[in-house]
Amino acid sequence: MGKAIQQEGLTMGKHLFERLARERNITVEEMRAIISARIEKGWNDPDPEKRAQWRKIPCEGEIPTPDEWLRYAVEKLQEEGREDLLRWYLTYNKV
């Protein structure tokens, strides 16, 4: 994974998690906990096909972190030429 994509993913994650938390009137930590719970649910899904999809996410530990999940999702969208789905983020974060 390229360093630029890693840095972009971390920056995007920080802003995305803040935005999602703000929209739900919860803390960033609570938002990360919700995302982590969803990752864990997918990681342990009883359906082997679904579980295999989640397990494609590269991670340093036993299970992906919210940041690792987001970085993977951004990379997949870029690989598939679906940057249009990221456009809302770029528009939202313009200075």
N, C-alpha and C. Protein backbone atom coordinates (compact mmCIF):
# COMPACT_ATOMS: atom_id res chain seq x y z
N MET A 1 0.85 -1.17 0.00
CA MET A 1 0.00 0.00 0.00
C MET A 1 0.90 1.23 0.00
N GLY A 2 0.59 2.19 -0.88
CA GLY A 2 1.42 3.37 -0.99
C GLY A 2 1.32 4.27 0.23
N LYS A 3 2.42 4.97 0.50
CA LYS A 3 2.46 5.86 1.66
C LYS A 3 1.44 6.99 1.52
N ALA A 4 1.29 7.53 0.30
CA ALA A 4 0.32 8.61 0.08
C ALA A 4 -1.09 8.14 0.39
N ILE A 5 -1.42 6.92 -0.04
CA ILE A 5 -2.75 6.39 0.24
C ILE A 5 -2.92 6.16 1.73
N GLN A 6 -1.88 5.68 2.40
CA GLN A 6 -1.96 5.48 3.85
C GLN A 6 -2.25 6.80 4.54
N GLN A 7 -1.50 7.84 4.18
CA GLN A 7 -1.69 9.14 4.82
C GLN A 7 -3.06 9.70 4.48
N GLU A 8 -3.46 9.57 3.22
CA GLU A 8 -4.77 10.05 2.80
C GLU A 8 -5.87 9.34 3.58
N GLY A 9 -5.72 8.03 3.74
CA GLY A 9 -6.71 7.26 4.48
C GLY A 9 -6.81 7.69 5.93
N LEU A 10 -5.67 7.95 6.56
CA LEU A 10 -5.68 8.39 7.95
C LEU A 10 -6.34 9.75 8.08
N THR A 11 -6.02 10.67 7.17
CA THR A 11 -6.64 11.99 7.20
C THR A 11 -8.13 11.87 6.93
N MET A 12 -8.47 11.08 5.92
CA MET A 12 -9.87 10.89 5.59
C MET A 12 -10.61 10.27 6.77
N GLY A 13 -9.98 9.28 7.40
CA GLY A 13 -10.60 8.63 8.54
C GLY A 13 -10.90 9.58 9.66
N LYS A 14 -9.93 10.42 9.98
CA LYS A 14 -10.12 11.38 11.05
C LYS A 14 -11.33 12.26 10.76
N HIS A 15 -11.39 12.81 9.55
CA HIS A 15 -12.49 13.70 9.19
C HIS A 15 -13.81 12.94 9.08
N LEU A 16 -13.76 11.77 8.47
CA LEU A 16 -14.99 11.00 8.29
C LEU A 16 -15.57 10.58 9.63
N PHE A 17 -14.74 10.07 10.52
CA PHE A 17 -15.24 9.63 11.81
C PHE A 17 -15.77 10.81 12.62
N GLU A 18 -15.12 11.97 12.51
CA GLU A 18 -15.62 13.17 13.19
C GLU A 18 -16.98 13.57 12.63
N ARG A 19 -17.10 13.55 11.31
CA ARG A 19 -18.36 13.93 10.68
C ARG A 19 -19.48 12.97 11.07
N LEU A 20 -19.22 11.67 10.99
CA LEU A 20 -20.24 10.69 11.34
C LEU A 20 -20.67 10.84 12.79
N ALA A 21 -19.72 11.07 13.67
CA ALA A 21 -20.04 11.24 15.10
C ALA A 21 -20.89 12.49 15.31
N ARG A 22 -20.50 13.57 14.66
CA ARG A 22 -21.24 14.83 14.79
C ARG A 22 -22.68 14.65 14.29
N GLU A 23 -22.85 13.98 13.15
CA GLU A 23 -24.19 13.76 12.60
C GLU A 23 -25.06 12.93 13.53
N ARG A 24 -24.45 12.09 14.34
CA ARG A 24 -25.19 11.21 15.24
C ARG A 24 -25.22 11.73 16.68
N ASN A 25 -24.58 12.88 16.87
CA ASN A 25 -24.51 13.49 18.19
C ASN A 25 -23.89 12.54 19.22
N ILE A 26 -22.78 11.90 18.80
CA ILE A 26 -22.03 11.03 19.69
C ILE A 26 -20.56 11.41 19.60
N THR A 27 -19.74 10.81 20.43
CA THR A 27 -18.31 11.11 20.39
C THR A 27 -17.64 10.31 19.27
N VAL A 28 -16.46 10.75 18.89
CA VAL A 28 -15.69 10.02 17.88
C VAL A 28 -15.37 8.62 18.40
N GLU A 29 -15.07 8.51 19.68
CA GLU A 29 -14.77 7.20 20.26
C GLU A 29 -15.98 6.27 20.15
N GLU A 30 -17.18 6.81 20.39
CA GLU A 30 -18.38 5.99 20.26
C GLU A 30 -18.58 5.57 18.80
N MET A 31 -18.30 6.49 17.87
CA MET A 31 -18.43 6.17 16.45
C MET A 31 -17.46 5.07 16.06
N ARG A 32 -16.22 5.18 16.52
CA ARG A 32 -15.22 4.15 16.23
C ARG A 32 -15.65 2.80 16.82
N ALA A 33 -16.26 2.83 18.00
CA ALA A 33 -16.73 1.59 18.63
C ALA A 33 -17.83 0.94 17.79
N ILE A 34 -18.72 1.75 17.24
CA ILE A 34 -19.79 1.24 16.38
C ILE A 34 -19.19 0.59 15.13
N ILE A 35 -18.24 1.29 14.51
CA ILE A 35 -17.59 0.75 13.31
C ILE A 35 -16.82 -0.52 13.64
N SER A 36 -16.12 -0.51 14.77
CA SER A 36 -15.37 -1.71 15.19
C SER A 36 -16.30 -2.90 15.40
N ALA A 37 -17.46 -2.64 15.99
CA ALA A 37 -18.43 -3.72 16.23
C ALA A 37 -18.92 -4.29 14.89
N ARG A 38 -19.13 -3.41 13.92
CA ARG A 38 -19.58 -3.87 12.60
C ARG A 38 -18.49 -4.69 11.91
N ILE A 39 -17.26 -4.24 12.03
CA ILE A 39 -16.14 -4.99 11.46
C ILE A 39 -16.06 -6.38 12.10
N GLU A 40 -16.16 -6.42 13.42
CA GLU A 40 -16.09 -7.70 14.13
C GLU A 40 -17.23 -8.63 13.71
N LYS A 41 -18.42 -8.06 13.55
CA LYS A 41 -19.56 -8.87 13.12
C LYS A 41 -19.29 -9.47 11.74
N GLY A 42 -18.79 -8.66 10.81
CA GLY A 42 -18.48 -9.15 9.48
C GLY A 42 -17.34 -10.16 9.49
N TRP A 43 -16.33 -9.89 10.31
CA TRP A 43 -15.15 -10.75 10.41
C TRP A 43 -15.54 -12.15 10.87
N ASN A 44 -16.58 -12.22 11.71
CA ASN A 44 -17.03 -13.50 12.28
C ASN A 44 -18.36 -13.97 11.71
N ASP A 45 -18.76 -13.44 10.56
CA ASP A 45 -20.04 -13.80 9.95
C ASP A 45 -20.11 -15.31 9.73
N PRO A 46 -21.27 -15.92 10.02
CA PRO A 46 -21.39 -17.36 9.80
C PRO A 46 -21.35 -17.75 8.32
N ASP A 47 -21.68 -16.82 7.44
CA ASP A 47 -21.63 -17.08 6.00
C ASP A 47 -20.17 -17.01 5.54
N PRO A 48 -19.62 -18.13 5.07
CA PRO A 48 -18.20 -18.15 4.71
C PRO A 48 -17.84 -17.16 3.59
N GLU A 49 -18.76 -16.90 2.66
CA GLU A 49 -18.47 -15.94 1.58
C GLU A 49 -18.35 -14.52 2.13
N LYS A 50 -19.27 -14.15 3.00
CA LYS A 50 -19.22 -12.81 3.61
C LYS A 50 -17.97 -12.68 4.48
N ARG A 51 -17.71 -13.71 5.26
CA ARG A 51 -16.54 -13.69 6.14
C ARG A 51 -15.26 -13.56 5.30
N ALA A 52 -15.19 -14.25 4.19
CA ALA A 52 -14.01 -14.18 3.32
C ALA A 52 -13.81 -12.77 2.77
N GLN A 53 -14.90 -12.09 2.44
CA GLN A 53 -14.78 -10.71 1.95
C GLN A 53 -14.18 -9.81 3.02
N TRP A 54 -14.66 -9.92 4.24
CA TRP A 54 -14.13 -9.11 5.33
C TRP A 54 -12.66 -9.43 5.59
N ARG A 55 -12.30 -10.67 5.43
CA ARG A 55 -10.93 -11.09 5.75
C ARG A 55 -9.92 -10.71 4.67
N LYS A 56 -10.38 -10.10 3.61
CA LYS A 56 -9.48 -9.56 2.59
C LYS A 56 -8.86 -8.24 3.05
N ILE A 57 -9.43 -7.64 4.07
CA ILE A 57 -8.94 -6.34 4.55
C ILE A 57 -7.61 -6.55 5.26
N PRO A 58 -6.54 -5.92 4.74
CA PRO A 58 -5.24 -6.05 5.40
C PRO A 58 -5.27 -5.41 6.79
N CYS A 59 -4.65 -6.09 7.75
CA CYS A 59 -4.60 -5.52 9.09
C CYS A 59 -3.33 -5.98 9.80
N GLU A 60 -2.90 -5.15 10.71
CA GLU A 60 -1.68 -5.47 11.47
C GLU A 60 -1.97 -6.39 12.65
N GLY A 61 -3.18 -6.30 13.19
CA GLY A 61 -3.56 -7.14 14.32
C GLY A 61 -4.41 -8.31 13.87
N GLU A 62 -5.20 -8.82 14.81
CA GLU A 62 -6.06 -9.96 14.50
C GLU A 62 -7.27 -9.57 13.67
N ILE A 63 -7.71 -8.32 13.80
CA ILE A 63 -8.91 -7.85 13.12
C ILE A 63 -8.66 -6.40 12.70
N PRO A 64 -9.21 -5.97 11.56
CA PRO A 64 -8.96 -4.60 11.10
C PRO A 64 -9.51 -3.54 12.06
N THR A 65 -8.79 -2.44 12.13
CA THR A 65 -9.27 -1.27 12.88
C THR A 65 -10.18 -0.47 11.95
N PRO A 66 -10.94 0.48 12.48
CA PRO A 66 -11.73 1.34 11.60
C PRO A 66 -10.87 2.05 10.55
N ASP A 67 -9.67 2.47 10.92
CA ASP A 67 -8.79 3.14 9.95
C ASP A 67 -8.34 2.18 8.86
N GLU A 68 -8.03 0.95 9.22
CA GLU A 68 -7.62 -0.05 8.22
C GLU A 68 -8.79 -0.38 7.29
N TRP A 69 -9.98 -0.48 7.83
CA TRP A 69 -11.17 -0.73 7.02
C TRP A 69 -11.39 0.41 6.03
N LEU A 70 -11.30 1.65 6.51
CA LEU A 70 -11.53 2.80 5.63
C LEU A 70 -10.48 2.88 4.54
N ARG A 71 -9.24 2.69 4.90
CA ARG A 71 -8.15 2.73 3.91
C ARG A 71 -8.40 1.69 2.82
N TYR A 72 -8.80 0.49 3.22
CA TYR A 72 -9.09 -0.59 2.28
C TYR A 72 -10.25 -0.19 1.36
N ALA A 73 -11.31 0.36 1.95
CA ALA A 73 -12.48 0.75 1.15
C ALA A 73 -12.10 1.83 0.13
N VAL A 74 -11.32 2.82 0.55
CA VAL A 74 -10.88 3.88 -0.36
C VAL A 74 -10.04 3.30 -1.48
N GLU A 75 -9.11 2.43 -1.16
CA GLU A 75 -8.26 1.80 -2.17
C GLU A 75 -9.09 1.01 -3.18
N LYS A 76 -10.07 0.25 -2.69
CA LYS A 76 -10.91 -0.54 -3.59
C LYS A 76 -11.70 0.37 -4.52
N LEU A 77 -12.24 1.45 -3.99
CA LEU A 77 -12.98 2.39 -4.84
C LEU A 77 -12.07 2.99 -5.90
N GLN A 78 -10.86 3.34 -5.51
CA GLN A 78 -9.91 3.91 -6.47
C GLN A 78 -9.52 2.87 -7.53
N GLU A 79 -9.27 1.65 -7.12
CA GLU A 79 -8.91 0.58 -8.07
C GLU A 79 -10.03 0.32 -9.07
N GLU A 80 -11.26 0.46 -8.61
CA GLU A 80 -12.42 0.18 -9.46
C GLU A 80 -12.86 1.42 -10.25
N GLY A 81 -12.10 2.52 -10.12
CA GLY A 81 -12.45 3.74 -10.84
C GLY A 81 -13.71 4.40 -10.31
N ARG A 82 -14.00 4.22 -9.04
CA ARG A 82 -15.22 4.77 -8.43
C ARG A 82 -14.93 5.94 -7.51
N GLU A 83 -13.97 6.77 -7.91
CA GLU A 83 -13.65 7.95 -7.11
C GLU A 83 -14.86 8.86 -6.95
N ASP A 84 -15.84 8.73 -7.88
CA ASP A 84 -17.05 9.53 -7.78
C ASP A 84 -17.76 9.31 -6.44
N LEU A 85 -17.61 8.13 -5.88
CA LEU A 85 -18.22 7.85 -4.58
C LEU A 85 -17.48 8.53 -3.44
N LEU A 86 -16.26 9.00 -3.70
CA LEU A 86 -15.49 9.72 -2.69
C LEU A 86 -15.66 11.23 -2.84
N ARG A 87 -16.28 11.65 -3.91
CA ARG A 87 -16.38 13.08 -4.22
C ARG A 87 -17.05 13.87 -3.09
N TRP A 88 -18.06 13.30 -2.45
CA TRP A 88 -18.72 14.01 -1.35
C TRP A 88 -17.73 14.39 -0.27
N TYR A 89 -16.78 13.49 -0.04
CA TYR A 89 -15.78 13.75 0.99
C TYR A 89 -14.89 14.91 0.59
N LEU A 90 -14.43 14.90 -0.65
CA LEU A 90 -13.54 15.96 -1.14
C LEU A 90 -14.25 17.30 -1.12
N THR A 91 -15.52 17.33 -1.50
CA THR A 91 -16.30 18.57 -1.49
C THR A 91 -16.49 19.06 -0.05
N TYR A 92 -16.81 18.15 0.85
CA TYR A 92 -17.08 18.50 2.24
C TYR A 92 -15.85 19.08 2.93
N ASN A 93 -14.66 18.62 2.58
CA ASN A 93 -13.45 19.02 3.28
C ASN A 93 -12.64 20.11 2.58
N LYS A 94 -13.21 20.78 1.58
CA LYS A 94 -12.48 21.88 0.94
C LYS A 94 -12.35 23.04 1.92
N VAL A 95 -11.19 23.69 1.87
CA VAL A 95 -10.93 24.82 2.78
C VAL A 95 -11.35 26.09 2.10
